[in-house]
Every structure is written in structure tokens, then in C-alpha cells.
């Protein structure tokens, strides 16, 4: 894996979580700007998915197993979009809380991906 990309995805996910957590604290639902932030984080996560698959196809192997690595990789790409769709169903402050939780989950998945790869 590319360590810098893993770091960028984790930091942007935490920034999104803080931003949506702030909206939650102000009793606001997710707004269009939040969805733009989710799109940026999602694009970074998909870029990491592509890099991971290319590295696997190139013969690199994660230390803790390919199957678990792929599961975490796919889960990390799906975490924020899933939270975004859930926030559309809940157009109250709890939608913002859902996205904040999705950002935190993505950051934790990034740490775990780094560990699985052998970092």
C-alpha cells in the first residue's frame, strides 16, 4: 500500500467526521457541502481500493492474508457512501451523526489496512 495515501484517507475521514460532528452539535442535518466532502473522501477511498487491487495483481501480498485485506479494502471504500445514504433517510441532526460515525469508522479501517499490509 501507499502509506501517504492511507494517511490522507484517514485524515480526511477524521476531518469529515469532525465537520459532521460539529453540524450534529449545532442541531443541523447534512447539507450539500457535507455531501461534497463525502464525495472527496469516497474518491480517495476508491483510489486506495484501486491501488490495493493493482498491488495485489502485481504480486505483492499483505502479511496477514489477501482475503482479509480485500474485505477491509472494500469495506473502507463503502463506509462513507453507506453513511451518506443513511443520512439521506434521516434528515435530522442524526443524519450528521451517522456521517460522523462513518468517517470515524473509515479512519479505523485505514489503521487496520495499514496493519494488515504489514506497515
N, C-alpha and C. Protein backbone atom coordinates (compact mmCIF):
# COMPACT_ATOMS: atom_id res chain seq x y z
N UNK A 1 0.84 -1.18 0.00
CA UNK A 1 0.00 0.00 0.00
C UNK A 1 0.88 1.24 0.00
N UNK A 2 0.29 2.33 -0.39
CA UNK A 2 1.00 3.61 -0.37
C UNK A 2 0.68 4.26 0.97
N UNK A 3 1.70 4.41 1.80
CA UNK A 3 1.50 4.93 3.15
C UNK A 3 0.91 6.34 3.14
N UNK A 4 1.37 7.18 2.21
CA UNK A 4 0.86 8.55 2.16
C UNK A 4 -0.63 8.58 1.83
N UNK A 5 -1.06 7.72 0.91
CA UNK A 5 -2.48 7.67 0.56
C UNK A 5 -3.31 7.19 1.75
N UNK A 6 -2.81 6.20 2.46
CA UNK A 6 -3.51 5.71 3.65
C UNK A 6 -3.66 6.82 4.68
N UNK A 7 -2.60 7.59 4.87
CA UNK A 7 -2.63 8.70 5.82
C UNK A 7 -3.62 9.78 5.37
N UNK A 8 -3.61 10.12 4.09
CA UNK A 8 -4.51 11.15 3.57
C UNK A 8 -5.96 10.72 3.71
N UNK A 9 -6.26 9.46 3.40
CA UNK A 9 -7.63 8.98 3.53
C UNK A 9 -8.07 9.04 4.99
N UNK A 10 -7.20 8.61 5.90
CA UNK A 10 -7.55 8.63 7.32
C UNK A 10 -7.77 10.03 7.85
N UNK A 11 -6.89 10.95 7.48
CA UNK A 11 -7.00 12.33 7.96
C UNK A 11 -8.24 13.02 7.39
N UNK A 12 -8.51 12.82 6.10
CA UNK A 12 -9.71 13.44 5.52
C UNK A 12 -10.98 12.83 6.10
N UNK A 13 -10.93 11.54 6.42
CA UNK A 13 -12.10 10.91 7.04
C UNK A 13 -12.34 11.50 8.43
N UNK A 14 -11.28 11.73 9.18
CA UNK A 14 -11.44 12.35 10.50
C UNK A 14 -11.90 13.80 10.39
N UNK A 15 -11.43 14.51 9.37
CA UNK A 15 -11.89 15.89 9.15
C UNK A 15 -13.38 15.90 8.83
N UNK A 16 -13.81 14.97 7.99
CA UNK A 16 -15.25 14.86 7.68
C UNK A 16 -16.04 14.53 8.94
N UNK A 17 -15.52 13.63 9.75
CA UNK A 17 -16.20 13.27 11.00
C UNK A 17 -16.32 14.48 11.93
N UNK A 18 -15.26 15.27 12.02
CA UNK A 18 -15.30 16.46 12.88
C UNK A 18 -16.30 17.48 12.34
N UNK A 19 -16.30 17.66 11.02
CA UNK A 19 -17.21 18.62 10.40
C UNK A 19 -18.66 18.22 10.60
N UNK A 20 -18.96 16.96 10.38
CA UNK A 20 -20.34 16.50 10.57
C UNK A 20 -20.70 16.42 12.06
N UNK A 21 -19.72 16.12 12.89
CA UNK A 21 -19.96 16.16 14.33
C UNK A 21 -20.29 17.56 14.80
N UNK A 22 -19.64 18.56 14.22
CA UNK A 22 -19.96 19.95 14.54
C UNK A 22 -21.38 20.29 14.10
N UNK A 23 -21.77 19.81 12.91
CA UNK A 23 -23.15 20.04 12.44
C UNK A 23 -24.14 19.37 13.39
N UNK A 24 -23.81 18.17 13.85
CA UNK A 24 -24.67 17.48 14.82
C UNK A 24 -24.81 18.30 16.09
N UNK A 25 -23.71 18.86 16.57
CA UNK A 25 -23.76 19.63 17.82
C UNK A 25 -24.58 20.91 17.66
N UNK A 26 -24.70 21.40 16.43
CA UNK A 26 -25.48 22.60 16.16
C UNK A 26 -26.90 22.27 15.72
N UNK A 27 -27.28 20.97 15.85
CA UNK A 27 -28.63 20.51 15.52
C UNK A 27 -28.96 20.71 14.04
N UNK A 28 -27.98 20.39 13.17
CA UNK A 28 -28.17 20.54 11.73
C UNK A 28 -28.09 19.18 11.05
N UNK A 29 -28.86 19.04 10.00
CA UNK A 29 -28.78 17.83 9.18
C UNK A 29 -27.62 17.99 8.19
N UNK A 30 -27.34 16.95 7.43
CA UNK A 30 -26.30 17.04 6.42
C UNK A 30 -26.77 17.96 5.29
N UNK A 31 -25.87 18.80 4.87
CA UNK A 31 -26.16 19.75 3.80
C UNK A 31 -25.40 19.35 2.54
N UNK A 32 -25.58 20.08 1.46
CA UNK A 32 -24.90 19.80 0.20
C UNK A 32 -23.38 19.82 0.37
N UNK A 33 -22.88 20.74 1.17
CA UNK A 33 -21.43 20.83 1.38
C UNK A 33 -20.90 19.57 2.05
N UNK A 34 -21.68 19.00 2.93
CA UNK A 34 -21.25 17.74 3.56
C UNK A 34 -21.15 16.62 2.53
N UNK A 35 -22.09 16.61 1.59
CA UNK A 35 -22.06 15.58 0.56
C UNK A 35 -20.87 15.76 -0.38
N UNK A 36 -20.46 16.99 -0.61
CA UNK A 36 -19.24 17.23 -1.39
C UNK A 36 -18.03 16.69 -0.63
N UNK A 37 -17.99 16.93 0.67
CA UNK A 37 -16.91 16.37 1.49
C UNK A 37 -16.92 14.85 1.48
N UNK A 38 -18.11 14.26 1.55
CA UNK A 38 -18.21 12.80 1.48
C UNK A 38 -17.71 12.29 0.13
N UNK A 39 -18.00 13.02 -0.93
CA UNK A 39 -17.55 12.61 -2.26
C UNK A 39 -16.02 12.64 -2.35
N UNK A 40 -15.41 13.66 -1.77
CA UNK A 40 -13.95 13.75 -1.79
C UNK A 40 -13.34 12.57 -1.04
N UNK A 41 -13.85 12.30 0.15
CA UNK A 41 -13.32 11.19 0.95
C UNK A 41 -13.58 9.86 0.22
N UNK A 42 -14.73 9.72 -0.39
CA UNK A 42 -15.06 8.49 -1.11
C UNK A 42 -14.14 8.28 -2.31
N UNK A 43 -13.84 9.35 -3.03
CA UNK A 43 -12.93 9.23 -4.18
C UNK A 43 -11.56 8.78 -3.71
N UNK A 44 -11.09 9.33 -2.60
CA UNK A 44 -9.79 8.91 -2.06
C UNK A 44 -9.82 7.44 -1.65
N UNK A 45 -10.92 7.01 -1.05
CA UNK A 45 -11.03 5.60 -0.63
C UNK A 45 -11.09 4.68 -1.85
N UNK A 46 -11.76 5.10 -2.90
CA UNK A 46 -11.81 4.29 -4.12
C UNK A 46 -10.43 4.26 -4.78
N UNK A 47 -9.71 5.37 -4.74
CA UNK A 47 -8.34 5.38 -5.27
C UNK A 47 -7.48 4.38 -4.51
N UNK A 48 -7.66 4.31 -3.21
CA UNK A 48 -6.92 3.34 -2.42
C UNK A 48 -7.33 1.91 -2.78
N UNK A 49 -8.59 1.70 -3.04
CA UNK A 49 -9.07 0.39 -3.48
C UNK A 49 -8.37 -0.01 -4.78
N UNK A 50 -8.31 0.90 -5.72
CA UNK A 50 -7.65 0.62 -7.00
C UNK A 50 -6.17 0.32 -6.78
N UNK A 51 -5.50 1.13 -5.99
CA UNK A 51 -4.08 0.89 -5.71
C UNK A 51 -3.88 -0.47 -5.05
N UNK A 52 -4.73 -0.81 -4.10
CA UNK A 52 -4.62 -2.10 -3.43
C UNK A 52 -4.79 -3.28 -4.38
N UNK A 53 -5.79 -3.18 -5.24
CA UNK A 53 -6.04 -4.26 -6.20
C UNK A 53 -4.88 -4.36 -7.20
N UNK A 54 -4.36 -3.23 -7.65
CA UNK A 54 -3.23 -3.24 -8.58
C UNK A 54 -2.01 -3.86 -7.92
N UNK A 55 -1.77 -3.51 -6.66
CA UNK A 55 -0.62 -4.09 -5.95
C UNK A 55 -0.79 -5.60 -5.79
N UNK A 56 -2.00 -6.05 -5.49
CA UNK A 56 -2.25 -7.49 -5.39
C UNK A 56 -2.06 -8.17 -6.74
N UNK A 57 -2.55 -7.55 -7.80
CA UNK A 57 -2.40 -8.12 -9.14
C UNK A 57 -0.94 -8.15 -9.57
N UNK A 58 -0.15 -7.23 -9.05
CA UNK A 58 1.27 -7.17 -9.38
C UNK A 58 2.11 -8.17 -8.61
N UNK A 59 1.50 -8.92 -7.72
CA UNK A 59 2.22 -9.96 -7.00
C UNK A 59 2.55 -9.63 -5.56
N UNK A 60 2.29 -8.41 -5.11
CA UNK A 60 2.52 -8.07 -3.70
C UNK A 60 1.48 -8.76 -2.84
N UNK A 61 1.88 -9.17 -1.66
CA UNK A 61 0.97 -9.87 -0.75
C UNK A 61 0.97 -9.19 0.62
N UNK A 62 -0.20 -9.00 1.19
CA UNK A 62 -0.26 -8.47 2.55
C UNK A 62 0.21 -9.53 3.54
N UNK A 63 0.76 -9.08 4.65
CA UNK A 63 1.30 -10.00 5.65
C UNK A 63 0.24 -10.88 6.29
N UNK A 64 -0.96 -10.34 6.50
CA UNK A 64 -1.98 -11.06 7.25
C UNK A 64 -3.04 -11.72 6.37
N UNK A 65 -2.80 -11.82 5.08
CA UNK A 65 -3.73 -12.55 4.22
C UNK A 65 -4.46 -11.68 3.24
N UNK A 66 -4.63 -12.21 2.05
CA UNK A 66 -5.26 -11.47 0.96
C UNK A 66 -6.77 -11.31 1.18
N UNK A 67 -7.43 -12.34 1.65
CA UNK A 67 -8.89 -12.27 1.81
C UNK A 67 -9.29 -11.21 2.81
N UNK A 68 -8.62 -11.16 3.95
CA UNK A 68 -8.99 -10.16 4.96
C UNK A 68 -8.62 -8.76 4.48
N UNK A 69 -7.51 -8.67 3.74
CA UNK A 69 -7.12 -7.38 3.19
C UNK A 69 -8.18 -6.86 2.22
N UNK A 70 -8.63 -7.72 1.32
CA UNK A 70 -9.67 -7.31 0.37
C UNK A 70 -10.97 -6.94 1.07
N UNK A 71 -11.32 -7.68 2.11
CA UNK A 71 -12.55 -7.37 2.84
C UNK A 71 -12.47 -5.98 3.48
N UNK A 72 -11.34 -5.67 4.09
CA UNK A 72 -11.18 -4.34 4.69
C UNK A 72 -11.10 -3.26 3.62
N UNK A 73 -10.47 -3.56 2.50
CA UNK A 73 -10.33 -2.60 1.42
C UNK A 73 -11.70 -2.23 0.84
N UNK A 74 -12.52 -3.23 0.60
CA UNK A 74 -13.88 -2.99 0.07
C UNK A 74 -14.73 -2.29 1.12
N UNK A 75 -14.61 -2.70 2.36
CA UNK A 75 -15.35 -2.05 3.43
C UNK A 75 -14.98 -0.59 3.61
N UNK A 76 -13.70 -0.29 3.44
CA UNK A 76 -13.29 1.11 3.59
C UNK A 76 -13.81 1.97 2.44
N UNK A 77 -13.91 1.40 1.25
CA UNK A 77 -14.46 2.15 0.13
C UNK A 77 -15.96 2.36 0.27
N UNK A 78 -16.63 1.49 1.01
CA UNK A 78 -18.09 1.57 1.14
C UNK A 78 -18.57 2.30 2.40
N UNK A 79 -17.68 2.56 3.35
CA UNK A 79 -18.10 3.10 4.65
C UNK A 79 -18.77 4.47 4.53
N UNK A 80 -18.13 5.41 3.89
CA UNK A 80 -18.68 6.77 3.81
C UNK A 80 -19.89 6.85 2.87
N UNK A 81 -19.86 6.20 1.69
CA UNK A 81 -21.09 6.23 0.88
C UNK A 81 -22.30 5.62 1.60
N UNK A 82 -22.09 4.55 2.33
CA UNK A 82 -23.19 3.95 3.08
C UNK A 82 -23.73 4.92 4.13
N UNK A 83 -22.83 5.59 4.84
CA UNK A 83 -23.26 6.57 5.84
C UNK A 83 -23.99 7.73 5.17
N UNK A 84 -23.53 8.13 3.99
CA UNK A 84 -24.20 9.21 3.27
C UNK A 84 -25.61 8.85 2.86
N UNK A 85 -25.79 7.64 2.36
CA UNK A 85 -27.14 7.20 2.00
C UNK A 85 -28.04 7.11 3.23
N UNK A 86 -27.48 6.66 4.33
CA UNK A 86 -28.28 6.58 5.56
C UNK A 86 -28.66 7.97 6.04
N UNK A 87 -27.77 8.96 5.85
CA UNK A 87 -28.09 10.32 6.28
C UNK A 87 -29.18 10.94 5.42
N UNK A 88 -29.32 10.47 4.18
CA UNK A 88 -30.42 10.96 3.34
C UNK A 88 -31.77 10.50 3.87
N UNK A 89 -31.77 9.32 4.46
CA UNK A 89 -33.02 8.80 5.02
C UNK A 89 -33.38 9.50 6.33
N UNK A 90 -32.37 10.01 7.02
CA UNK A 90 -32.58 10.66 8.32
C UNK A 90 -32.18 12.13 8.19
N UNK A 91 -33.12 12.97 7.80
CA UNK A 91 -32.82 14.37 7.53
C UNK A 91 -32.93 15.22 8.80
N UNK A 92 -32.39 14.72 9.89
CA UNK A 92 -32.31 15.49 11.13
C UNK A 92 -30.84 15.54 11.53
N UNK A 93 -30.58 16.00 12.73
CA UNK A 93 -29.20 16.06 13.21
C UNK A 93 -28.58 14.68 13.28
N UNK A 94 -29.39 13.65 13.38
CA UNK A 94 -28.86 12.29 13.47
C UNK A 94 -28.27 11.82 12.14
N UNK A 95 -28.66 12.43 11.05
CA UNK A 95 -28.01 12.16 9.78
C UNK A 95 -26.56 12.62 9.80
N UNK A 96 -26.33 13.79 10.39
CA UNK A 96 -24.96 14.28 10.55
C UNK A 96 -24.15 13.37 11.46
N UNK A 97 -24.80 12.87 12.50
CA UNK A 97 -24.10 11.95 13.41
C UNK A 97 -23.73 10.66 12.71
N UNK A 98 -24.59 10.21 11.82
CA UNK A 98 -24.31 8.98 11.06
C UNK A 98 -23.09 9.16 10.17
N UNK A 99 -22.99 10.30 9.50
CA UNK A 99 -21.83 10.55 8.65
C UNK A 99 -20.57 10.71 9.50
N UNK A 100 -20.68 11.36 10.64
CA UNK A 100 -19.53 11.48 11.53
C UNK A 100 -19.04 10.10 11.96
N UNK A 101 -19.97 9.23 12.28
CA UNK A 101 -19.59 7.86 12.65
C UNK A 101 -18.95 7.13 11.48
N UNK A 102 -19.47 7.34 10.27
CA UNK A 102 -18.87 6.73 9.09
C UNK A 102 -17.45 7.19 8.87
N UNK A 103 -17.17 8.46 9.11
CA UNK A 103 -15.81 8.98 8.99
C UNK A 103 -14.87 8.36 10.00
N UNK A 104 -15.35 8.20 11.22
CA UNK A 104 -14.52 7.56 12.25
C UNK A 104 -14.27 6.10 11.90
N UNK A 105 -15.29 5.43 11.42
CA UNK A 105 -15.14 4.03 11.03
C UNK A 105 -14.11 3.91 9.91
N UNK A 106 -14.17 4.80 8.93
CA UNK A 106 -13.19 4.76 7.84
C UNK A 106 -11.78 4.98 8.35
N UNK A 107 -11.60 5.90 9.27
CA UNK A 107 -10.26 6.14 9.82
C UNK A 107 -9.73 4.90 10.54
N UNK A 108 -10.58 4.22 11.28
CA UNK A 108 -10.18 2.99 11.96
C UNK A 108 -9.85 1.89 10.95
N UNK A 109 -10.64 1.79 9.90
CA UNK A 109 -10.36 0.81 8.85
C UNK A 109 -9.02 1.09 8.17
N UNK A 110 -8.67 2.34 8.03
CA UNK A 110 -7.39 2.69 7.44
C UNK A 110 -6.22 2.21 8.30
N UNK A 111 -6.35 2.38 9.59
CA UNK A 111 -5.31 1.89 10.50
C UNK A 111 -5.19 0.38 10.39
N UNK A 112 -6.32 -0.28 10.34
CA UNK A 112 -6.31 -1.74 10.23
C UNK A 112 -5.74 -2.19 8.88
N UNK A 113 -6.06 -1.51 7.79
CA UNK A 113 -5.48 -1.85 6.49
C UNK A 113 -3.97 -1.72 6.52
N UNK A 114 -3.48 -0.68 7.15
CA UNK A 114 -2.04 -0.48 7.28
C UNK A 114 -1.40 -1.65 8.04
N UNK A 115 -2.06 -2.08 9.11
CA UNK A 115 -1.55 -3.22 9.88
C UNK A 115 -1.59 -4.53 9.08
N UNK A 116 -2.66 -4.75 8.37
CA UNK A 116 -2.81 -5.99 7.60
C UNK A 116 -1.74 -6.06 6.50
N UNK A 117 -1.48 -4.93 5.86
CA UNK A 117 -0.50 -4.91 4.79
C UNK A 117 0.91 -5.19 5.31
N UNK A 118 1.15 -4.81 6.54
CA UNK A 118 2.47 -5.06 7.14
C UNK A 118 3.22 -3.80 7.46
N UNK A 119 2.50 -2.74 7.72
CA UNK A 119 3.12 -1.45 7.98
C UNK A 119 3.63 -1.25 9.33
